[in-house]
Amino acid sequence: MSPVTIDPQAPPETPVETPAASAEAVRREWLLVGLGLVGLLAILAITL
């Protein structure tokens, strides 16, 4: 049995992300967080 065989019982793993891809994902998440905060501030500014 070669060590590169995939165990069929193992849960499907997410593909390993390169550091650039993970950094892009983190940047996208922070962009969404920033947009959400800006939206909340805009709603507060309008209602107050």
PDB file of N, CA and C in Angstrom:
ATOM      1  N   MET A   1       0.853  -1.185   0.000  1.00  0.00           N
ATOM      2  CA  MET A   1       0.000   0.000   0.000  1.00  0.00           C
ATOM      3  C   MET A   1       0.899   1.248   0.000  1.00  0.00           C
ATOM      4  N   SER A   2       0.743   2.058  -1.012  1.00  0.00           N
ATOM      5  CA  SER A   2       1.607   3.238  -1.093  1.00  0.00           C
ATOM      6  C   SER A   2       1.068   4.340  -0.182  1.00  0.00           C
ATOM      7  N   PRO A   3       1.935   5.171   0.358  1.00  0.00           N
ATOM      8  CA  PRO A   3       1.484   6.203   1.316  1.00  0.00           C
ATOM      9  C   PRO A   3       0.658   7.318   0.676  1.00  0.00           C
ATOM     10  N   VAL A   4       0.615   7.380  -0.661  1.00  0.00           N
ATOM     11  CA  VAL A   4      -0.110   8.466  -1.312  1.00  0.00           C
ATOM     12  C   VAL A   4      -1.564   8.110  -1.586  1.00  0.00           C
ATOM     13  N   THR A   5      -1.968   6.871  -1.260  1.00  0.00           N
ATOM     14  CA  THR A   5      -3.367   6.508  -1.491  1.00  0.00           C
ATOM     15  C   THR A   5      -4.259   7.255  -0.508  1.00  0.00           C
ATOM     16  N   ILE A   6      -5.422   7.671  -0.966  1.00  0.00           N
ATOM     17  CA  ILE A   6      -6.351   8.424  -0.133  1.00  0.00           C
ATOM     18  C   ILE A   6      -7.279   7.442   0.566  1.00  0.00           C
ATOM     19  N   ASP A   7      -7.399   7.595   1.872  1.00  0.00           N
ATOM     20  CA  ASP A   7      -8.272   6.720   2.653  1.00  0.00           C
ATOM     21  C   ASP A   7      -9.727   7.048   2.324  1.00  0.00           C
ATOM     22  N   PRO A   8     -10.482   6.088   1.773  1.00  0.00           N
ATOM     23  CA  PRO A   8     -11.877   6.392   1.421  1.00  0.00           C
ATOM     24  C   PRO A   8     -12.752   6.684   2.636  1.00  0.00           C
ATOM     25  N   GLN A   9     -12.301   6.266   3.827  1.00  0.00           N
ATOM     26  CA  GLN A   9     -13.077   6.518   5.036  1.00  0.00           C
ATOM     27  C   GLN A   9     -12.853   7.939   5.568  1.00  0.00           C
ATOM     28  N   ALA A  10     -11.788   8.560   5.115  1.00  0.00           N
ATOM     29  CA  ALA A  10     -11.473   9.895   5.619  1.00  0.00           C
ATOM     30  C   ALA A  10     -12.462  10.916   5.044  1.00  0.00           C
ATOM     31  N   PRO A  11     -12.830  11.916   5.832  1.00  0.00           N
ATOM     32  CA  PRO A  11     -13.734  12.956   5.317  1.00  0.00           C
ATOM     33  C   PRO A  11     -13.054  13.749   4.200  1.00  0.00           C
ATOM     34  N   PRO A  12     -13.814  14.254   3.241  1.00  0.00           N
ATOM     35  CA  PRO A  12     -13.199  15.014   2.151  1.00  0.00           C
ATOM     36  C   PRO A  12     -12.507  16.265   2.681  1.00  0.00           C
ATOM     37  N   GLU A  13     -11.250  16.378   2.368  1.00  0.00           N
ATOM     38  CA  GLU A  13     -10.478  17.522   2.855  1.00  0.00           C
ATOM     39  C   GLU A  13     -10.613  18.686   1.888  1.00  0.00           C
ATOM     40  N   THR A  14     -10.586  19.885   2.426  1.00  0.00           N
ATOM     41  CA  THR A  14     -10.565  21.054   1.557  1.00  0.00           C
ATOM     42  C   THR A  14      -9.181  21.130   0.927  1.00  0.00           C
ATOM     43  N   PRO A  15      -9.091  21.556  -0.314  1.00  0.00           N
ATOM     44  CA  PRO A  15      -7.769  21.654  -0.956  1.00  0.00           C
ATOM     45  C   PRO A  15      -6.864  22.613  -0.189  1.00  0.00           C
ATOM     46  N   VAL A  16      -5.593  22.251  -0.117  1.00  0.00           N
ATOM     47  CA  VAL A  16      -4.642  23.078   0.632  1.00  0.00           C
ATOM     48  C   VAL A  16      -4.476  24.406  -0.097  1.00  0.00           C
ATOM     49  N   GLU A  17      -4.708  25.489   0.617  1.00  0.00           N
ATOM     50  CA  GLU A  17      -4.595  26.808  -0.002  1.00  0.00           C
ATOM     51  C   GLU A  17      -3.142  27.272   0.039  1.00  0.00           C
ATOM     52  N   THR A  18      -2.724  27.936  -1.011  1.00  0.00           N
ATOM     53  CA  THR A  18      -1.415  28.566  -0.998  1.00  0.00           C
ATOM     54  C   THR A  18      -1.492  29.791  -0.096  1.00  0.00           C
ATOM     55  N   PRO A  19      -0.370  30.246   0.439  1.00  0.00           N
ATOM     56  CA  PRO A  19      -0.407  31.449   1.299  1.00  0.00           C
ATOM     57  C   PRO A  19      -1.056  32.643   0.606  1.00  0.00           C
ATOM     58  N   ALA A  20      -0.850  32.789  -0.692  1.00  0.00           N
ATOM     59  CA  ALA A  20      -1.457  33.901  -1.421  1.00  0.00           C
ATOM     60  C   ALA A  20      -2.976  33.764  -1.433  1.00  0.00           C
ATOM     61  N   ALA A  21      -3.477  32.539  -1.625  1.00  0.00           N
ATOM     62  CA  ALA A  21      -4.923  32.328  -1.667  1.00  0.00           C
ATOM     63  C   ALA A  21      -5.539  32.584  -0.294  1.00  0.00           C
ATOM     64  N   SER A  22      -4.878  32.122   0.775  1.00  0.00           N
ATOM     65  CA  SER A  22      -5.425  32.348   2.115  1.00  0.00           C
ATOM     66  C   SER A  22      -5.376  33.833   2.455  1.00  0.00           C
ATOM     67  N   ALA A  23      -4.312  34.527   2.043  1.00  0.00           N
ATOM     68  CA  ALA A  23      -4.223  35.964   2.289  1.00  0.00           C
ATOM     69  C   ALA A  23      -5.337  36.691   1.544  1.00  0.00           C
ATOM     70  N   GLU A  24      -5.635  36.252   0.327  1.00  0.00           N
ATOM     71  CA  GLU A  24      -6.727  36.836  -0.450  1.00  0.00           C
ATOM     72  C   GLU A  24      -8.055  36.611   0.259  1.00  0.00           C
ATOM     73  N   ALA A  25      -8.258  35.412   0.810  1.00  0.00           N
ATOM     74  CA  ALA A  25      -9.501  35.109   1.519  1.00  0.00           C
ATOM     75  C   ALA A  25      -9.626  35.986   2.763  1.00  0.00           C
ATOM     76  N   VAL A  26      -8.535  36.145   3.504  1.00  0.00           N
ATOM     77  CA  VAL A  26      -8.557  36.986   4.704  1.00  0.00           C
ATOM     78  C   VAL A  26      -8.865  38.429   4.319  1.00  0.00           C
ATOM     79  N   ARG A  27      -8.241  38.896   3.221  1.00  0.00           N
ATOM     80  CA  ARG A  27      -8.473  40.273   2.788  1.00  0.00           C
ATOM     81  C   ARG A  27      -9.937  40.461   2.402  1.00  0.00           C
ATOM     82  N   ARG A  28     -10.515  39.459   1.739  1.00  0.00           N
ATOM     83  CA  ARG A  28     -11.920  39.542   1.335  1.00  0.00           C
ATOM     84  C   ARG A  28     -12.825  39.571   2.565  1.00  0.00           C
ATOM     85  N   GLU A  29     -12.486  38.739   3.577  1.00  0.00           N
ATOM     86  CA  GLU A  29     -13.292  38.726   4.800  1.00  0.00           C
ATOM     87  C   GLU A  29     -13.253  40.087   5.487  1.00  0.00           C
ATOM     88  N   TRP A  30     -12.058  40.684   5.596  1.00  0.00           N
ATOM     89  CA  TRP A  30     -11.956  41.984   6.249  1.00  0.00           C
ATOM     90  C   TRP A  30     -12.669  43.053   5.441  1.00  0.00           C
ATOM     91  N   LEU A  31     -12.664  42.921   4.109  1.00  0.00           N
ATOM     92  CA  LEU A  31     -13.394  43.874   3.268  1.00  0.00           C
ATOM     93  C   LEU A  31     -14.885  43.788   3.580  1.00  0.00           C
ATOM     94  N   LEU A  32     -15.414  42.563   3.708  1.00  0.00           N
ATOM     95  CA  LEU A  32     -16.829  42.389   4.049  1.00  0.00           C
ATOM     96  C   LEU A  32     -17.127  42.947   5.436  1.00  0.00           C
ATOM     97  N   VAL A  33     -16.237  42.703   6.391  1.00  0.00           N
ATOM     98  CA  VAL A  33     -16.424  43.235   7.742  1.00  0.00           C
ATOM     99  C   VAL A  33     -16.446  44.764   7.694  1.00  0.00           C
ATOM    100  N   GLY A  34     -15.522  45.345   6.948  1.00  0.00           N
ATOM    101  CA  GLY A  34     -15.462  46.803   6.831  1.00  0.00           C
ATOM    102  C   GLY A  34     -16.726  47.361   6.200  1.00  0.00           C
ATOM    103  N   LEU A  35     -17.212  46.696   5.150  1.00  0.00           N
ATOM    104  CA  LEU A  35     -18.445  47.160   4.511  1.00  0.00           C
ATOM    105  C   LEU A  35     -19.623  47.071   5.478  1.00  0.00           C
ATOM    106  N   GLY A  36     -19.668  46.012   6.256  1.00  0.00           N
ATOM    107  CA  GLY A  36     -20.738  45.870   7.236  1.00  0.00           C
ATOM    108  C   GLY A  36     -20.691  46.981   8.278  1.00  0.00           C
ATOM    109  N   LEU A  37     -19.495  47.306   8.763  1.00  0.00           N
ATOM    110  CA  LEU A  37     -19.362  48.379   9.754  1.00  0.00           C
ATOM    111  C   LEU A  37     -19.753  49.719   9.151  1.00  0.00           C
ATOM    112  N   VAL A  38     -19.338  49.968   7.912  1.00  0.00           N
ATOM    113  CA  VAL A  38     -19.710  51.218   7.243  1.00  0.00           C
ATOM    114  C   VAL A  38     -21.226  51.296   7.077  1.00  0.00           C
ATOM    115  N   GLY A  39     -21.843  50.175   6.732  1.00  0.00           N
ATOM    116  CA  GLY A  39     -23.303  50.147   6.595  1.00  0.00           C
ATOM    117  C   GLY A  39     -23.995  50.443   7.916  1.00  0.00           C
ATOM    118  N   LEU A  40     -23.495  49.844   9.012  1.00  0.00           N
ATOM    119  CA  LEU A  40     -24.081  50.114  10.326  1.00  0.00           C
ATOM    120  C   LEU A  40     -23.915  51.582  10.704  1.00  0.00           C
ATOM    121  N   LEU A  41     -22.746  52.133  10.453  1.00  0.00           N
ATOM    122  CA  LEU A  41     -22.519  53.544  10.772  1.00  0.00           C
ATOM    123  C   LEU A  41     -23.441  54.438   9.942  1.00  0.00           C
ATOM    124  N   ALA A  42     -23.637  54.081   8.668  1.00  0.00           N
ATOM    125  CA  ALA A  42     -24.527  54.871   7.816  1.00  0.00           C
ATOM    126  C   ALA A  42     -25.959  54.808   8.345  1.00  0.00           C
ATOM    127  N   ILE A  43     -26.409  53.637   8.752  1.00  0.00           N
ATOM    128  CA  ILE A  43     -27.768  53.496   9.299  1.00  0.00           C
ATOM    129  C   ILE A  43     -27.902  54.327  10.576  1.00  0.00           C
ATOM    130  N   LEU A  44     -26.901  54.261  11.444  1.00  0.00           N
ATOM    131  CA  LEU A  44     -26.938  55.061  12.677  1.00  0.00           C
ATOM    132  C   LEU A  44     -26.959  56.549  12.352  1.00  0.00           C
ATOM    133  N   ALA A  45     -26.145  56.965  11.388  1.00  0.00           N
ATOM    134  CA  ALA A  45     -26.089  58.381  11.037  1.00  0.00           C
ATOM    135  C   ALA A  45     -27.430  58.851  10.468  1.00  0.00           C
ATOM    136  N   ILE A  46     -28.097  57.994   9.723  1.00  0.00           N
ATOM    137  CA  ILE A  46     -29.376  58.379   9.127  1.00  0.00           C
ATOM    138  C   ILE A  46     -30.462  58.438  10.201  1.00  0.00           C
ATOM    139  N   THR A  47     -30.453  57.477  11.110  1.00  0.00           N
ATOM    140  CA  THR A  47     -31.539  57.412  12.098  1.00  0.00           C
ATOM    141  C   THR A  47     -31.353  58.435  13.212  1.00  0.00           C
ATOM    142  N   LEU A  48     -30.122  58.843  13.509  1.00  0.00           N
ATOM    143  CA  LEU A  48     -29.921  59.784  14.615  1.00  0.00           C
ATOM    144  C   LEU A  48     -30.114  61.231  14.173  1.00  0.00           C
TER     145      LEU A  48
END
